[in-house]
Amino acid sequence: MPRLPRLHVPGGHYHVVLRGNYRQALFDCSADRIALNAIVAQALERDGARLHLYCWMSNHDRTVVFVDANRAREWNEITVIQHWKKLFRIPALVDRYRRGEGSEAEHDVARQLIAKWRSRLLDMSWFMRCLNEYLARRANAEDQCTGRFWAGESSYNAGISYVHVGQKRFKSQALLDEAGLLTAMAYVDLNPIRAGIAATPEASEFTSIYERIQSIRDKKTNGPQLRRFHTQGSKSFTLPYAIEDYLHLVDWTGRAMRNDKRGHIDNRLPPLLTRLNIDSAAWTQAMQPDGNVFGRAMGKLNHLHLHARTLGQSWMKVLRQAERLYGSRQSIDRH
């Protein structure tokens, strides 16, 4: 049966997961995760993506990203060429175009290539391909073996081959609104607690919430640049929540997930759950292992209906979960 197509829209938010084959380890030591931080930082400077948060586990990594279409559209052709050159060799034809040389016919071909590169720098699949290439390079060097990293794909540079340590395809989940974005963010940040690796968010190394807490404490961090939370008077694009409210929510949820912490749970619901009309019991269940059952998209009912229509579907199997978590008091456009 052919796989369902991904729908990656510039300007969208996505929860992205990449696992090792047969859940084998992607990271052997902390140095691997620190190296990935640097690779992510380079990718964010190069591509049209913004990182909301991340979690580097031993056998998989999770990110929540925003595809910043406006940023890439503002690039001129020279900037697009410079970004693409960091990944691939630039054809001589484009190099001549950059220097103002060549025929008009060559210039037309060069402009078409640059337009294609710009679209790929906005493409989630290309972003993930470039982001995870480093894993294969390190695996080759450490294991002294060769082979393609992604089956059916060409190598990035001549003479370099890749070992197959990761899955052929990553999983992505469209986050359709504030409620869906918040659910995915908390789910990712709580991954080490859910796996029993850490007891508290501030002890969850190699996660975005650990980096944010360290930053609040004025401690130096090595993580990639993250999107800031909303503050009064914010002018640039920020996450639509206050950092204090988000940290309160994650701490409250982490305690609710642990049996030994249940006696210390604050009975007052976190403000974000109240503002977004999220059921607290369903929320806690969604944060448990395998609690994220939304599949290809996450959001409130009306946005899921619109997303299904975009995919050419009349319904989505996650509607009942959305109603349980986010409620049904929403206007649903059925036309």
Protein backbone atom coordinates (compact mmCIF):
# COMPACT_ATOMS: atom_id res chain seq x y z
CA MET A 1 0.00 0.00 0.00
CA PRO A 2 1.53 3.37 -0.96
CA ARG A 3 2.30 5.74 1.89
CA LEU A 4 0.12 8.78 2.49
CA PRO A 5 1.69 12.02 1.23
CA ARG A 6 3.12 14.50 3.67
CA LEU A 7 1.69 17.98 3.63
CA HIS A 8 4.38 20.49 4.57
CA VAL A 9 3.20 24.07 4.23
CA PRO A 10 5.63 27.01 4.55
CA GLY A 11 4.47 28.97 7.58
CA GLY A 12 3.41 25.81 9.45
CA HIS A 13 4.47 24.28 12.76
CA TYR A 14 5.58 20.62 12.88
CA HIS A 15 6.50 17.98 15.44
CA VAL A 16 9.23 15.90 13.80
CA VAL A 17 10.65 12.54 14.95
CA LEU A 18 13.58 10.53 13.61
CA ARG A 19 14.41 7.11 15.08
CA GLY A 20 17.27 4.71 14.63
CA ASN A 21 16.59 1.51 12.73
CA TYR A 22 15.11 -1.10 15.07
CA ARG A 23 15.38 1.60 17.78
CA GLN A 24 19.16 1.24 17.82
CA ALA A 25 21.21 4.01 19.39
CA LEU A 26 21.86 7.18 17.41
CA PHE A 27 24.05 8.69 20.13
CA ASP A 28 26.85 6.81 21.88
CA CYS A 29 27.90 9.61 24.22
CA SER A 30 27.26 13.21 25.23
CA ALA A 31 29.77 14.40 22.63
CA ASP A 32 27.45 13.17 19.88
CA ARG A 33 24.58 15.25 21.24
CA ILE A 34 26.79 18.32 21.65
CA ALA A 35 27.91 17.90 18.04
CA LEU A 36 24.28 17.69 16.95
CA ASN A 37 23.62 21.00 18.73
CA ALA A 38 26.23 22.61 16.49
CA ILE A 39 24.79 20.99 13.35
CA VAL A 40 21.30 22.22 14.25
CA ALA A 41 22.62 25.74 14.81
CA GLN A 42 24.20 25.71 11.34
CA ALA A 43 21.02 24.37 9.75
CA LEU A 44 18.90 27.11 11.34
CA GLU A 45 21.20 29.79 9.93
CA ARG A 46 21.05 28.19 6.49
CA ASP A 47 17.44 27.06 6.04
CA GLY A 48 14.04 28.69 6.32
CA ALA A 49 13.21 26.94 9.60
CA ARG A 50 12.97 28.13 13.19
CA LEU A 51 13.44 25.80 16.15
CA HIS A 52 10.87 25.94 18.96
CA LEU A 53 12.28 23.08 21.01
CA TYR A 54 14.15 19.80 20.81
CA CYS A 55 14.96 16.61 22.69
CA TRP A 56 17.91 14.36 21.86
CA MET A 57 17.21 10.88 23.22
CA SER A 58 19.59 7.94 22.82
CA ASN A 59 17.72 6.23 19.96
CA HIS A 60 15.69 9.09 18.48
CA ASP A 61 15.48 12.84 18.29
CA ARG A 62 12.44 15.10 18.40
CA THR A 63 12.04 18.68 17.29
CA VAL A 64 9.21 21.18 17.00
CA VAL A 65 9.94 23.55 14.15
CA PHE A 66 8.35 26.43 12.30
CA VAL A 67 8.85 26.80 8.54
CA ASP A 68 9.55 30.52 8.17
CA ALA A 69 8.40 31.24 4.63
CA ASN A 70 8.79 35.01 4.92
CA ARG A 71 12.45 34.71 5.86
CA ALA A 72 13.34 32.67 2.78
CA ARG A 73 11.29 34.85 0.44
CA GLU A 74 13.28 37.90 1.52
CA TRP A 75 16.56 36.31 0.42
CA ASN A 76 18.00 37.62 -2.83
CA GLU A 77 19.48 35.19 -5.35
CA ILE A 78 23.03 35.61 -4.05
CA THR A 79 21.90 34.73 -0.53
CA VAL A 80 20.11 31.60 -1.80
CA ILE A 81 23.28 30.55 -3.64
CA GLN A 82 25.39 31.09 -0.51
CA HIS A 83 23.03 29.01 1.62
CA TRP A 84 22.89 26.21 -0.95
CA LYS A 85 26.66 26.23 -1.35
CA LYS A 86 27.03 25.23 2.31
CA LEU A 87 25.36 21.93 1.41
CA PHE A 88 26.13 21.16 -2.23
CA ARG A 89 28.50 22.00 -5.01
CA ILE A 90 27.32 24.90 -7.14
CA PRO A 91 27.18 24.15 -10.90
CA ALA A 92 29.60 26.13 -13.03
CA LEU A 93 26.62 27.56 -14.89
CA VAL A 94 25.28 29.18 -11.70
CA ASP A 95 28.74 30.37 -10.72
CA ARG A 96 29.04 32.17 -14.05
CA TYR A 97 25.58 33.67 -13.55
CA ARG A 98 26.66 34.96 -10.13
CA ARG A 99 29.65 36.69 -11.75
CA GLY A 100 27.49 38.17 -14.50
CA GLU A 101 28.94 35.89 -17.18
CA GLY A 102 27.33 33.44 -19.60
CA SER A 103 24.55 33.62 -22.17
CA GLU A 104 20.94 34.61 -21.59
CA ALA A 105 19.88 30.99 -22.05
CA GLU A 106 22.29 29.96 -19.28
CA HIS A 107 20.94 32.76 -17.09
CA ASP A 108 17.41 31.41 -17.52
CA VAL A 109 18.51 27.94 -16.42
CA ALA A 110 20.44 29.41 -13.47
CA ARG A 111 17.39 31.39 -12.31
CA GLN A 112 15.27 28.24 -12.47
CA LEU A 113 17.82 26.34 -10.36
CA ILE A 114 17.97 29.13 -7.78
CA ALA A 115 14.18 29.16 -7.53
CA LYS A 116 14.24 25.38 -6.95
CA TRP A 117 16.91 25.77 -4.26
CA ARG A 118 14.86 28.44 -2.52
CA SER A 119 11.83 26.12 -2.39
CA ARG A 120 13.96 23.27 -1.05
CA LEU A 121 15.38 25.48 1.69
CA LEU A 122 11.73 25.86 2.74
CA ASP A 123 10.98 22.14 2.51
CA MET A 124 10.72 20.08 5.69
CA SER A 125 12.04 16.91 4.05
CA TRP A 126 15.16 18.67 2.85
CA PHE A 127 15.65 20.32 6.22
CA MET A 128 15.54 16.94 7.98
CA ARG A 129 17.77 15.33 5.37
CA CYS A 130 20.46 17.96 5.91
CA LEU A 131 19.96 18.07 9.66
CA ASN A 132 20.53 14.33 10.13
CA GLU A 133 23.35 13.87 7.66
CA TYR A 134 25.90 14.40 10.42
CA LEU A 135 24.78 11.17 12.13
CA ALA A 136 25.86 9.17 9.11
CA ARG A 137 29.19 10.96 8.82
CA ARG A 138 30.03 10.29 12.48
CA ALA A 139 28.88 6.67 12.20
CA ASN A 140 31.12 6.13 9.16
CA ALA A 141 34.11 7.59 10.94
CA GLU A 142 33.56 5.65 14.16
CA ASP A 143 32.62 2.29 12.62
CA GLN A 144 34.89 2.55 9.54
CA CYS A 145 32.15 1.42 7.21
CA THR A 146 30.49 2.69 4.06
CA GLY A 147 27.05 2.68 2.51
CA ARG A 148 24.18 5.02 1.82
CA PHE A 149 22.46 6.73 4.75
CA TRP A 150 19.11 7.15 2.96
CA ALA A 151 18.13 4.36 0.59
CA GLY A 152 17.47 5.67 -2.90
CA GLU A 153 19.12 9.05 -2.35
CA SER A 154 22.32 10.40 -3.81
CA SER A 155 25.24 11.46 -1.65
CA TYR A 156 25.81 15.09 -0.75
CA ASN A 157 29.36 15.32 -2.06
CA ALA A 158 31.30 13.19 -4.49
CA GLY A 159 33.34 10.45 -2.83
CA ILE A 160 31.31 10.38 0.40
CA SER A 161 28.98 7.53 1.26
CA TYR A 162 26.73 7.04 4.26
CA VAL A 163 25.99 4.22 6.65
CA HIS A 164 22.33 3.42 7.20
CA VAL A 165 21.86 4.16 10.91
CA GLY A 166 18.54 5.98 10.73
CA GLN A 167 15.10 5.22 9.42
CA LYS A 168 14.51 5.91 5.74
CA ARG A 169 11.72 8.32 6.60
CA PHE A 170 11.10 10.71 9.43
CA LYS A 171 7.69 11.22 10.98
CA SER A 172 6.09 14.63 11.03
CA GLN A 173 2.94 15.90 12.69
CA ALA A 174 1.27 19.15 11.62
CA LEU A 175 0.42 21.39 14.58
CA LEU A 176 -2.65 23.30 13.51
CA ASP A 177 -3.25 25.79 16.34
CA GLU A 178 -2.05 27.03 19.74
CA ALA A 179 -3.51 24.03 21.56
CA GLY A 180 -1.85 21.51 19.23
CA LEU A 181 1.46 23.37 19.39
CA LEU A 182 1.38 23.46 23.19
CA THR A 183 0.56 19.73 23.42
CA ALA A 184 3.47 18.75 21.18
CA MET A 185 5.88 21.07 22.98
CA ALA A 186 5.08 19.66 26.42
CA TYR A 187 5.14 16.09 25.07
CA VAL A 188 8.65 16.59 23.68
CA ASP A 189 10.04 18.42 26.71
CA LEU A 190 8.72 15.71 29.05
CA ASN A 191 10.24 12.85 27.04
CA PRO A 192 13.15 12.16 29.46
CA ILE A 193 10.77 12.12 32.45
CA ARG A 194 8.37 9.82 30.61
CA ALA A 195 11.28 7.48 29.81
CA GLY A 196 12.51 7.48 33.41
CA ILE A 197 15.84 9.09 32.47
CA ALA A 198 15.30 12.28 34.47
CA ALA A 199 13.18 13.09 37.51
CA THR A 200 12.54 16.78 36.76
CA PRO A 201 12.65 19.12 33.73
CA GLU A 202 15.70 20.95 35.11
CA ALA A 203 17.56 17.61 35.15
CA SER A 204 16.62 16.71 31.57
CA GLU A 205 19.84 17.41 29.71
CA PHE A 206 19.84 17.84 25.94
CA THR A 207 16.31 19.18 25.89
CA SER A 208 15.13 22.68 25.14
CA ILE A 209 13.45 23.08 28.53
CA TYR A 210 16.75 22.29 30.25
CA GLU A 211 18.43 24.96 28.12
CA ARG A 212 15.72 27.51 28.91
CA ILE A 213 15.94 26.87 32.67
CA GLN A 214 19.72 27.15 32.55
CA SER A 215 19.40 30.41 30.64
CA ILE A 216 17.00 31.81 33.25
CA ARG A 217 19.61 30.93 35.87
CA ASP A 218 22.20 32.87 33.82
CA LYS A 219 24.18 29.75 33.10
CA LYS A 220 25.97 29.22 29.80
CA THR A 221 24.38 26.64 27.50
CA ASN A 222 25.48 24.86 24.33
CA GLY A 223 22.06 24.34 22.77
CA PRO A 224 20.89 25.74 19.43
CA GLN A 225 19.02 29.04 19.29
CA LEU A 226 15.37 28.65 20.23
CA ARG A 227 12.31 30.77 19.54
CA ARG A 228 11.58 33.01 22.47
CA PHE A 229 8.38 32.94 24.47
CA HIS A 230 6.02 35.89 24.37
CA THR A 231 6.73 38.90 26.58
CA GLN A 232 4.84 42.14 26.88
CA GLY A 233 5.78 44.40 24.00
CA SER A 234 7.34 41.63 21.89
CA LYS A 235 7.71 42.78 18.30
CA SER A 236 9.37 39.79 16.63
CA PHE A 237 7.74 36.41 16.12
CA THR A 238 7.52 34.59 19.46
CA LEU A 239 5.82 31.53 20.88
CA PRO A 240 2.27 32.48 21.94
CA TYR A 241 2.77 31.74 25.63
CA ALA A 242 4.59 33.32 28.56
CA ILE A 243 7.64 31.37 29.71
CA GLU A 244 6.39 31.37 33.31
CA ASP A 245 3.08 29.80 32.30
CA TYR A 246 4.80 27.18 30.15
CA LEU A 247 7.28 26.16 32.85
CA HIS A 248 4.42 25.93 35.36
CA LEU A 249 2.49 23.69 32.98
CA VAL A 250 5.44 21.35 32.33
CA ASP A 251 6.30 21.11 36.03
CA TRP A 252 2.66 20.42 36.94
CA THR A 253 2.38 17.78 34.20
CA GLY A 254 5.66 16.13 35.16
CA ARG A 255 4.46 15.76 38.74
CA ALA A 256 1.08 14.42 37.63
CA MET A 257 2.85 11.77 35.52
CA ARG A 258 4.89 10.45 38.47
CA ASN A 259 3.20 8.36 41.15
CA ASP A 260 5.72 9.48 43.80
CA LYS A 261 4.89 13.14 43.16
CA ARG A 262 1.12 13.01 43.16
CA GLY A 263 0.88 14.24 46.77
CA HIS A 264 2.72 17.41 45.75
CA ILE A 265 0.55 18.36 42.76
CA ASP A 266 -0.91 21.86 42.93
CA ASN A 267 -4.70 21.57 42.75
CA ARG A 268 -4.87 24.81 40.78
CA LEU A 269 -4.84 24.11 37.06
CA PRO A 270 -2.07 25.74 35.01
CA PRO A 271 -3.32 28.95 33.35
CA LEU A 272 -2.56 27.65 29.85
CA LEU A 273 -4.94 24.71 30.25
CA THR A 274 -7.68 27.06 31.40
CA ARG A 275 -7.08 29.62 28.65
CA LEU A 276 -7.07 27.03 25.87
CA ASN A 277 -9.97 25.03 27.37
CA ILE A 278 -7.93 21.83 27.65
CA ASP A 279 -9.24 19.01 29.81
CA SER A 280 -6.67 18.33 32.55
CA ALA A 281 -7.34 14.55 32.79
CA ALA A 282 -7.11 14.09 29.02
CA TRP A 283 -3.99 16.28 28.99
CA THR A 284 -2.23 14.13 31.59
CA GLN A 285 -3.16 11.00 29.64
CA ALA A 286 -1.80 12.52 26.43
CA MET A 287 1.58 13.07 28.11
CA GLN A 288 1.95 9.38 29.04
CA PRO A 289 3.98 6.90 26.95
CA ASP A 290 2.19 6.47 23.61
CA GLY A 291 -0.24 9.17 24.70
CA ASN A 292 0.28 11.21 21.54
CA VAL A 293 -2.24 9.36 19.39
CA PHE A 294 -3.01 12.20 17.01
CA GLY A 295 -1.01 10.80 14.10
CA ARG A 296 -0.47 13.17 11.19
CA ALA A 297 -2.00 16.31 12.70
CA MET A 298 -2.83 17.78 16.09
CA GLY A 299 -5.27 20.55 16.89
CA LYS A 300 -8.83 21.45 17.73
CA LEU A 301 -11.78 19.96 15.87
CA ASN A 302 -12.40 22.81 13.44
CA HIS A 303 -8.76 22.92 12.38
CA LEU A 304 -8.62 19.13 12.00
CA HIS A 305 -11.66 19.25 9.70
CA LEU A 306 -10.00 21.94 7.60
CA HIS A 307 -6.76 19.95 7.50
CA ALA A 308 -8.62 16.80 6.41
CA ARG A 309 -10.25 18.76 3.61
CA THR A 310 -6.84 20.00 2.47
CA LEU A 311 -5.70 16.38 2.24
CA GLY A 312 -8.82 15.48 0.25
CA GLN A 313 -10.33 13.51 3.15
CA SER A 314 -13.81 13.77 4.65
CA TRP A 315 -12.67 12.88 8.18
CA MET A 316 -9.65 12.03 10.35
CA LYS A 317 -9.48 9.21 12.88
CA VAL A 318 -8.16 11.52 15.62
CA LEU A 319 -11.35 13.61 15.95
CA ARG A 320 -12.52 11.78 19.07
CA GLN A 321 -9.16 12.34 20.79
CA ALA A 322 -9.28 16.03 19.89
CA GLU A 323 -12.79 16.38 21.31
CA ARG A 324 -11.76 14.66 24.54
CA LEU A 325 -8.68 16.84 24.97
CA TYR A 326 -9.74 20.21 23.58
CA GLY A 327 -13.54 20.09 23.86
CA SER A 328 -16.25 20.30 21.20
CA ARG A 329 -17.47 23.85 21.66
CA GLN A 330 -15.99 25.05 18.40
CA SER A 331 -17.51 26.26 15.18
CA ILE A 332 -16.88 23.67 12.49
CA ASP A 333 -17.08 24.75 8.88
CA ARG A 334 -18.57 21.84 6.97
CA HIS A 335 -19.11 23.63 3.67
